[in-house]
Amino acid sequence: MSVCHPPTTTLSTKGRITLPKPVRDALGWDAGTRLAVERTSEEIRLKRVPSFAETDPEEVFGCLPFDGAAKSLAEMEAGVTTEARRRHAGG
């Protein structure tokens, strides 16, 4: 009967650890991934730091000025479709 052991790592003299590849792969953590270190009384936790800070939509609405009449939903969908076709065609 085999016993499954969790992956382990060793702390280097410089305080560095290497996360086992299966752990990195499962989490999608590539080289350069920024991690936040949280310490509790019994453990440390690593959490991925988002590439961009969370933003409240109210903070960004209207940040790009637009002079002109509002577009209808149909006009916006037509514009998106036109641009998608242009990009897909390589234009």
C-alpha atoms as a PDB file:
ATOM      1  CA  MET A   1       0.000   0.000   0.000  1.00  0.00           C
ATOM      2  CA  SER A   2       1.521   3.348  -1.031  1.00  0.00           C
ATOM      3  CA  VAL A   3       1.168   6.477   1.068  1.00  0.00           C
ATOM      4  CA  CYS A   4       0.783   9.839  -0.668  1.00  0.00           C
ATOM      5  CA  HIS A   5       2.978  12.548   0.795  1.00  0.00           C
ATOM      6  CA  PRO A   6       2.484  16.209  -0.014  1.00  0.00           C
ATOM      7  CA  PRO A   7       5.233  17.859  -2.055  1.00  0.00           C
ATOM      8  CA  THR A   8       7.996  19.324   0.090  1.00  0.00           C
ATOM      9  CA  THR A   9      10.699  21.924  -0.377  1.00  0.00           C
ATOM     10  CA  THR A  10      13.700  23.142   1.590  1.00  0.00           C
ATOM     11  CA  LEU A  11      14.524  26.650   2.804  1.00  0.00           C
ATOM     12  CA  SER A  12      17.917  27.807   1.486  1.00  0.00           C
ATOM     13  CA  THR A  13      20.516  29.717   3.486  1.00  0.00           C
ATOM     14  CA  LYS A  14      19.277  32.866   1.723  1.00  0.00           C
ATOM     15  CA  GLY A  15      15.685  32.218   2.797  1.00  0.00           C
ATOM     16  CA  ARG A  16      14.527  31.056  -0.622  1.00  0.00           C
ATOM     17  CA  ILE A  17      12.236  28.172  -1.430  1.00  0.00           C
ATOM     18  CA  THR A  18      11.406  26.478  -4.705  1.00  0.00           C
ATOM     19  CA  LEU A  19       7.799  25.496  -5.207  1.00  0.00           C
ATOM     20  CA  PRO A  20       7.507  22.015  -6.723  1.00  0.00           C
ATOM     21  CA  LYS A  21       6.647  22.066 -10.434  1.00  0.00           C
ATOM     22  CA  PRO A  22       3.340  20.179 -10.047  1.00  0.00           C
ATOM     23  CA  VAL A  23       2.186  22.862  -7.582  1.00  0.00           C
ATOM     24  CA  ARG A  24       3.261  25.725  -9.882  1.00  0.00           C
ATOM     25  CA  ASP A  25       1.637  24.055 -12.868  1.00  0.00           C
ATOM     26  CA  ALA A  26      -1.635  23.391 -11.036  1.00  0.00           C
ATOM     27  CA  LEU A  27      -1.847  27.040  -9.981  1.00  0.00           C
ATOM     28  CA  GLY A  28      -0.627  28.477 -13.276  1.00  0.00           C
ATOM     29  CA  TRP A  29       2.285  30.254 -11.542  1.00  0.00           C
ATOM     30  CA  ASP A  30       5.084  30.980 -13.998  1.00  0.00           C
ATOM     31  CA  ALA A  31       8.445  32.620 -13.344  1.00  0.00           C
ATOM     32  CA  GLY A  32       7.874  36.227 -12.321  1.00  0.00           C
ATOM     33  CA  THR A  33       4.507  35.578 -10.675  1.00  0.00           C
ATOM     34  CA  ARG A  34       4.166  37.983  -7.757  1.00  0.00           C
ATOM     35  CA  LEU A  35       3.015  36.367  -4.517  1.00  0.00           C
ATOM     36  CA  ALA A  36       1.736  37.879  -1.285  1.00  0.00           C
ATOM     37  CA  VAL A  37       2.939  36.146   1.882  1.00  0.00           C
ATOM     38  CA  GLU A  38       0.411  35.898   4.708  1.00  0.00           C
ATOM     39  CA  ARG A  39       1.491  34.596   8.095  1.00  0.00           C
ATOM     40  CA  THR A  40      -0.803  33.056  10.675  1.00  0.00           C
ATOM     41  CA  SER A  41       0.184  31.624  14.028  1.00  0.00           C
ATOM     42  CA  GLU A  42       0.616  28.159  12.481  1.00  0.00           C
ATOM     43  CA  GLU A  43       1.396  28.581   8.782  1.00  0.00           C
ATOM     44  CA  ILE A  44       2.247  30.834   5.892  1.00  0.00           C
ATOM     45  CA  ARG A  45       0.061  31.249   2.842  1.00  0.00           C
ATOM     46  CA  LEU A  46       1.070  32.356  -0.618  1.00  0.00           C
ATOM     47  CA  LYS A  47      -1.478  34.164  -2.771  1.00  0.00           C
ATOM     48  CA  ARG A  48      -1.051  35.468  -6.282  1.00  0.00           C
ATOM     49  CA  VAL A  49      -0.947  39.262  -6.417  1.00  0.00           C
ATOM     50  CA  PRO A  50      -3.287  40.515  -9.157  1.00  0.00           C
ATOM     51  CA  SER A  51      -1.562  42.179 -12.114  1.00  0.00           C
ATOM     52  CA  PHE A  52      -3.816  45.186 -11.672  1.00  0.00           C
ATOM     53  CA  ALA A  53      -5.335  46.573  -8.502  1.00  0.00           C
ATOM     54  CA  GLU A  54      -9.067  46.086  -8.141  1.00  0.00           C
ATOM     55  CA  THR A  55     -10.949  49.060  -9.511  1.00  0.00           C
ATOM     56  CA  ASP A  56     -14.365  50.305  -8.595  1.00  0.00           C
ATOM     57  CA  PRO A  57     -16.272  50.925 -11.840  1.00  0.00           C
ATOM     58  CA  GLU A  58     -17.414  54.268 -10.440  1.00  0.00           C
ATOM     59  CA  GLU A  59     -13.767  55.359 -10.473  1.00  0.00           C
ATOM     60  CA  VAL A  60     -13.359  54.831 -14.216  1.00  0.00           C
ATOM     61  CA  PHE A  61     -16.753  55.545 -15.758  1.00  0.00           C
ATOM     62  CA  GLY A  62     -16.492  58.595 -17.928  1.00  0.00           C
ATOM     63  CA  CYS A  63     -12.704  58.765 -17.811  1.00  0.00           C
ATOM     64  CA  LEU A  64     -12.535  58.951 -21.608  1.00  0.00           C
ATOM     65  CA  PRO A  65     -14.451  62.000 -22.784  1.00  0.00           C
ATOM     66  CA  PHE A  66     -16.794  61.594 -25.746  1.00  0.00           C
ATOM     67  CA  ASP A  67     -18.459  64.419 -27.618  1.00  0.00           C
ATOM     68  CA  GLY A  68     -21.399  63.256 -29.631  1.00  0.00           C
ATOM     69  CA  ALA A  69     -24.701  61.477 -29.484  1.00  0.00           C
ATOM     70  CA  ALA A  70     -24.988  58.307 -27.443  1.00  0.00           C
ATOM     71  CA  LYS A  71     -24.838  55.088 -29.460  1.00  0.00           C
ATOM     72  CA  SER A  72     -27.624  52.526 -29.358  1.00  0.00           C
ATOM     73  CA  LEU A  73     -26.931  48.943 -28.357  1.00  0.00           C
ATOM     74  CA  ALA A  74     -27.434  47.891 -31.991  1.00  0.00           C
ATOM     75  CA  GLU A  75     -24.883  50.489 -33.164  1.00  0.00           C
ATOM     76  CA  MET A  76     -22.352  49.333 -30.559  1.00  0.00           C
ATOM     77  CA  GLU A  77     -22.836  45.663 -31.533  1.00  0.00           C
ATOM     78  CA  ALA A  78     -22.427  46.560 -35.217  1.00  0.00           C
ATOM     79  CA  GLY A  79     -19.200  48.437 -34.437  1.00  0.00           C
ATOM     80  CA  VAL A  80     -17.792  45.523 -32.453  1.00  0.00           C
ATOM     81  CA  THR A  81     -18.724  43.079 -35.231  1.00  0.00           C
ATOM     82  CA  THR A  82     -17.122  45.279 -37.895  1.00  0.00           C
ATOM     83  CA  GLU A  83     -13.883  45.579 -35.911  1.00  0.00           C
ATOM     84  CA  ALA A  84     -13.794  41.844 -35.143  1.00  0.00           C
ATOM     85  CA  ARG A  85     -14.172  41.041 -38.837  1.00  0.00           C
ATOM     86  CA  ARG A  86     -11.441  43.555 -39.729  1.00  0.00           C
ATOM     87  CA  ARG A  87      -9.036  42.058 -37.205  1.00  0.00           C
ATOM     88  CA  HIS A  88      -9.882  38.485 -38.219  1.00  0.00           C
ATOM     89  CA  ALA A  89      -9.234  39.356 -41.879  1.00  0.00           C
ATOM     90  CA  GLY A  90      -5.816  40.698 -40.906  1.00  0.00           C
ATOM     91  CA  GLY A  91      -6.691  44.234 -41.860  1.00  0.00           C
END
